[in-house]
Amino acid sequence: MCTKWFVLVFMLSLISLMISDVGAKPKGSRKKPVSLFPAGEKTTSWCNATDIEQSIREKGCEDKVIPNKACVGQCFSYYSPGTFPSKRRMNYCDVCKPSLKSWTVVSLNCPGKKLPQVDKLVEMIYKCECEKCAKGTIKW
């Protein structure tokens, strides 16, 4: 994790330097590098498994409420503008998602139906972390 953070900070430094060179003026009038983050903006990622009560439902059956967790957080991502035709845009994306989970069967009572019980497969979340976005899930 420490190495990943170091690489990320290093990449942001490079991006900052590239941005400061866009529209550069003659020597001696060079501005300070532009930061990608507004002043005072929090730049650390966080991702937690938060306790919830999940309602399991099926039409014609009795609802059941079970304890579960949801992933809640703010993970790091960025997108910097490119140029045409020579430079490619730079982007990076992390998402808060389950890092430890399992599936369990929850049975619902369905009085008055042909089948008196319906089984639902429910994802149970135990731990969440910021992880790299899967290719194709985020449109750049």
C-alpha atoms as a PDB file:
ATOM      1  CA  MET A   1       0.000   0.000   0.000  1.00  0.00           C
ATOM      2  CA  CYS A   2       2.849   2.402   0.881  1.00  0.00           C
ATOM      3  CA  THR A   3       4.519   1.817  -2.494  1.00  0.00           C
ATOM      4  CA  LYS A   4       1.215   2.377  -4.295  1.00  0.00           C
ATOM      5  CA  TRP A   5       0.708   5.695  -2.465  1.00  0.00           C
ATOM      6  CA  PHE A   6       4.297   6.796  -3.239  1.00  0.00           C
ATOM      7  CA  VAL A   7       3.820   6.051  -6.959  1.00  0.00           C
ATOM      8  CA  LEU A   8       0.515   7.933  -6.931  1.00  0.00           C
ATOM      9  CA  VAL A   9       2.050  11.019  -5.283  1.00  0.00           C
ATOM     10  CA  PHE A  10       4.987  10.861  -7.713  1.00  0.00           C
ATOM     11  CA  MET A  11       2.610  10.712 -10.700  1.00  0.00           C
ATOM     12  CA  LEU A  12       0.636  13.685  -9.368  1.00  0.00           C
ATOM     13  CA  SER A  13       3.857  15.669  -9.024  1.00  0.00           C
ATOM     14  CA  LEU A  14       4.665  14.946 -12.664  1.00  0.00           C
ATOM     15  CA  ILE A  15       1.173  15.965 -13.734  1.00  0.00           C
ATOM     16  CA  SER A  16       1.488  19.171 -11.753  1.00  0.00           C
ATOM     17  CA  LEU A  17       4.749  19.973 -13.537  1.00  0.00           C
ATOM     18  CA  MET A  18       3.201  19.239 -16.940  1.00  0.00           C
ATOM     19  CA  ILE A  19       0.233  21.491 -16.189  1.00  0.00           C
ATOM     20  CA  SER A  20       2.549  24.324 -15.167  1.00  0.00           C
ATOM     21  CA  ASP A  21       4.286  24.110 -18.576  1.00  0.00           C
ATOM     22  CA  VAL A  22       1.046  24.533 -20.536  1.00  0.00           C
ATOM     23  CA  GLY A  23       1.033  28.034 -21.978  1.00  0.00           C
ATOM     24  CA  ALA A  24       4.511  28.675 -20.537  1.00  0.00           C
ATOM     25  CA  LYS A  25       5.836  32.227 -20.720  1.00  0.00           C
ATOM     26  CA  PRO A  26       9.398  33.335 -21.483  1.00  0.00           C
ATOM     27  CA  LYS A  27      12.060  32.501 -18.895  1.00  0.00           C
ATOM     28  CA  GLY A  28      11.960  34.658 -15.814  1.00  0.00           C
ATOM     29  CA  SER A  29       8.152  34.923 -15.771  1.00  0.00           C
ATOM     30  CA  ARG A  30       7.479  31.277 -14.863  1.00  0.00           C
ATOM     31  CA  LYS A  31       4.550  30.743 -12.494  1.00  0.00           C
ATOM     32  CA  LYS A  32       4.456  28.318  -9.577  1.00  0.00           C
ATOM     33  CA  PRO A  33       3.178  24.833 -10.536  1.00  0.00           C
ATOM     34  CA  VAL A  34      -0.603  24.510 -10.513  1.00  0.00           C
ATOM     35  CA  SER A  35      -1.976  22.078  -7.919  1.00  0.00           C
ATOM     36  CA  LEU A  36      -4.648  19.583  -8.975  1.00  0.00           C
ATOM     37  CA  PHE A  37      -6.301  20.007  -5.565  1.00  0.00           C
ATOM     38  CA  PRO A  38      -8.084  23.106  -4.256  1.00  0.00           C
ATOM     39  CA  ALA A  39      -6.479  24.687  -1.174  1.00  0.00           C
ATOM     40  CA  GLY A  40      -7.370  22.756   1.969  1.00  0.00           C
ATOM     41  CA  GLU A  41      -8.885  19.867  -0.002  1.00  0.00           C
ATOM     42  CA  LYS A  42      -8.534  16.464   1.635  1.00  0.00           C
ATOM     43  CA  THR A  43      -6.413  14.209  -0.590  1.00  0.00           C
ATOM     44  CA  THR A  44      -6.446  10.966   1.372  1.00  0.00           C
ATOM     45  CA  SER A  45      -8.566   7.974   0.502  1.00  0.00           C
ATOM     46  CA  TRP A  46     -10.816   6.165   2.934  1.00  0.00           C
ATOM     47  CA  CYS A  47     -13.160   3.197   2.654  1.00  0.00           C
ATOM     48  CA  ASN A  48     -15.096   1.504   5.452  1.00  0.00           C
ATOM     49  CA  ALA A  49     -17.538  -1.369   5.878  1.00  0.00           C
ATOM     50  CA  THR A  50     -20.560   0.346   7.489  1.00  0.00           C
ATOM     51  CA  ASP A  51     -23.258  -1.562   9.381  1.00  0.00           C
ATOM     52  CA  ILE A  52     -26.694  -1.586   7.716  1.00  0.00           C
ATOM     53  CA  GLU A  53     -29.991  -3.431   8.054  1.00  0.00           C
ATOM     54  CA  GLN A  54     -30.831  -4.954   4.674  1.00  0.00           C
ATOM     55  CA  SER A  55     -34.428  -5.780   3.723  1.00  0.00           C
ATOM     56  CA  ILE A  56     -34.794  -9.001   1.737  1.00  0.00           C
ATOM     57  CA  ARG A  57     -38.036  -9.013  -0.265  1.00  0.00           C
ATOM     58  CA  GLU A  58     -39.971 -11.153  -2.697  1.00  0.00           C
ATOM     59  CA  LYS A  59     -43.494 -10.489  -3.969  1.00  0.00           C
ATOM     60  CA  GLY A  60     -46.041 -12.511  -1.976  1.00  0.00           C
ATOM     61  CA  CYS A  61     -43.549 -13.334   0.807  1.00  0.00           C
ATOM     62  CA  GLU A  62     -42.831 -11.890   4.237  1.00  0.00           C
ATOM     63  CA  ASP A  63     -39.929  -9.435   4.276  1.00  0.00           C
ATOM     64  CA  LYS A  64     -36.887 -10.319   6.356  1.00  0.00           C
ATOM     65  CA  VAL A  65     -34.391  -7.779   7.729  1.00  0.00           C
ATOM     66  CA  ILE A  66     -30.809  -8.970   8.217  1.00  0.00           C
ATOM     67  CA  PRO A  67     -27.653  -7.247   9.483  1.00  0.00           C
ATOM     68  CA  ASN A  68     -25.110  -6.626   6.738  1.00  0.00           C
ATOM     69  CA  LYS A  69     -22.501  -4.051   5.729  1.00  0.00           C
ATOM     70  CA  ALA A  70     -22.183  -1.577   2.854  1.00  0.00           C
ATOM     71  CA  CYS A  71     -18.960  -0.113   1.472  1.00  0.00           C
ATOM     72  CA  VAL A  72     -18.808   3.644   2.004  1.00  0.00           C
ATOM     73  CA  GLY A  73     -15.831   5.834   1.227  1.00  0.00           C
ATOM     74  CA  GLN A  74     -13.942   8.286  -0.901  1.00  0.00           C
ATOM     75  CA  CYS A  75     -11.183   6.739  -2.966  1.00  0.00           C
ATOM     76  CA  PHE A  76      -8.627   8.556  -5.072  1.00  0.00           C
ATOM     77  CA  SER A  77      -9.073   9.257  -8.766  1.00  0.00           C
ATOM     78  CA  TYR A  78      -7.983  11.898 -11.238  1.00  0.00           C
ATOM     79  CA  TYR A  79      -8.202  12.877 -14.867  1.00  0.00           C
ATOM     80  CA  SER A  80      -5.909  15.412 -16.482  1.00  0.00           C
ATOM     81  CA  PRO A  81      -6.424  16.934 -19.935  1.00  0.00           C
ATOM     82  CA  GLY A  82      -4.396  15.743 -22.873  1.00  0.00           C
ATOM     83  CA  THR A  83      -3.395  17.407 -26.113  1.00  0.00           C
ATOM     84  CA  PHE A  84      -4.148  16.421 -29.675  1.00  0.00           C
ATOM     85  CA  PRO A  85      -2.613  14.605 -31.469  1.00  0.00           C
ATOM     86  CA  SER A  86       0.553  13.835 -29.512  1.00  0.00           C
ATOM     87  CA  LYS A  87      -0.288  13.411 -25.801  1.00  0.00           C
ATOM     88  CA  ARG A  88      -2.516  10.849 -24.177  1.00  0.00           C
ATOM     89  CA  ARG A  89      -4.726  11.874 -21.263  1.00  0.00           C
ATOM     90  CA  MET A  90      -3.635  10.666 -17.842  1.00  0.00           C
ATOM     91  CA  ASN A  91      -6.181   9.146 -15.507  1.00  0.00           C
ATOM     92  CA  TYR A  92      -6.365   6.928 -12.459  1.00  0.00           C
ATOM     93  CA  CYS A  93      -9.336   5.489 -10.613  1.00  0.00           C
ATOM     94  CA  ASP A  94      -9.876   3.724  -7.278  1.00  0.00           C
ATOM     95  CA  VAL A  95     -13.280   2.641  -5.976  1.00  0.00           C
ATOM     96  CA  CYS A  96     -14.500   1.656  -2.494  1.00  0.00           C
ATOM     97  CA  LYS A  97     -15.608  -1.966  -2.808  1.00  0.00           C
ATOM     98  CA  PRO A  98     -15.725  -5.238  -0.863  1.00  0.00           C
ATOM     99  CA  SER A  99     -12.379  -6.915  -0.276  1.00  0.00           C
ATOM    100  CA  LEU A 100     -13.859  -9.707   1.874  1.00  0.00           C
ATOM    101  CA  LYS A 101     -17.349 -11.054   1.185  1.00  0.00           C
ATOM    102  CA  SER A 102     -19.365 -14.246   0.955  1.00  0.00           C
ATOM    103  CA  TRP A 103     -22.808 -15.374  -0.164  1.00  0.00           C
ATOM    104  CA  THR A 104     -25.496 -16.777   2.116  1.00  0.00           C
ATOM    105  CA  VAL A 105     -28.995 -18.161   1.645  1.00  0.00           C
ATOM    106  CA  VAL A 106     -31.850 -16.270   3.309  1.00  0.00           C
ATOM    107  CA  SER A 107     -35.205 -18.078   3.410  1.00  0.00           C
ATOM    108  CA  LEU A 108     -38.442 -16.085   3.189  1.00  0.00           C
ATOM    109  CA  ASN A 109     -41.829 -17.417   4.340  1.00  0.00           C
ATOM    110  CA  CYS A 110     -44.488 -17.184   1.641  1.00  0.00           C
ATOM    111  CA  PRO A 111     -47.882 -18.066   3.157  1.00  0.00           C
ATOM    112  CA  GLY A 112     -50.623 -18.814   0.626  1.00  0.00           C
ATOM    113  CA  LYS A 113     -48.216 -19.455  -2.289  1.00  0.00           C
ATOM    114  CA  LYS A 114     -47.551 -22.767  -4.073  1.00  0.00           C
ATOM    115  CA  LEU A 115     -44.056 -22.758  -2.598  1.00  0.00           C
ATOM    116  CA  PRO A 116     -44.329 -21.845   1.107  1.00  0.00           C
ATOM    117  CA  GLN A 117     -40.678 -20.746   1.176  1.00  0.00           C
ATOM    118  CA  VAL A 118     -38.385 -18.862  -1.215  1.00  0.00           C
ATOM    119  CA  ASP A 119     -34.607 -18.856  -0.862  1.00  0.00           C
ATOM    120  CA  LYS A 120     -32.664 -15.727  -1.830  1.00  0.00           C
ATOM    121  CA  LEU A 121     -28.892 -15.604  -2.304  1.00  0.00           C
ATOM    122  CA  VAL A 122     -27.515 -12.537  -0.479  1.00  0.00           C
ATOM    123  CA  GLU A 123     -24.030 -11.027  -0.689  1.00  0.00           C
ATOM    124  CA  MET A 124     -22.582 -10.518   2.812  1.00  0.00           C
ATOM    125  CA  ILE A 125     -19.859  -7.867   3.088  1.00  0.00           C
ATOM    126  CA  TYR A 126     -17.227  -8.070   5.849  1.00  0.00           C
ATOM    127  CA  LYS A 127     -14.417  -5.719   4.762  1.00  0.00           C
ATOM    128  CA  CYS A 128     -14.034  -2.891   2.222  1.00  0.00           C
ATOM    129  CA  GLU A 129     -10.975  -1.243   0.639  1.00  0.00           C
ATOM    130  CA  CYS A 130     -10.094   1.240  -2.073  1.00  0.00           C
ATOM    131  CA  GLU A 131      -9.175  -0.875  -5.097  1.00  0.00           C
ATOM    132  CA  LYS A 132      -8.364  -0.064  -8.712  1.00  0.00           C
ATOM    133  CA  CYS A 133     -11.486   0.380 -10.844  1.00  0.00           C
ATOM    134  CA  ALA A 134     -12.236  -2.543 -13.116  1.00  0.00           C
ATOM    135  CA  LYS A 135     -11.564  -1.774 -16.780  1.00  0.00           C
ATOM    136  CA  GLY A 136     -14.704  -0.590 -18.523  1.00  0.00           C
ATOM    137  CA  THR A 137     -16.613   0.454 -15.359  1.00  0.00           C
ATOM    138  CA  ILE A 138     -15.607   4.121 -15.432  1.00  0.00           C
ATOM    139  CA  LYS A 139     -15.974   6.124 -18.641  1.00  0.00           C
ATOM    140  CA  TRP A 140     -13.132   8.587 -19.203  1.00  0.00           C
END
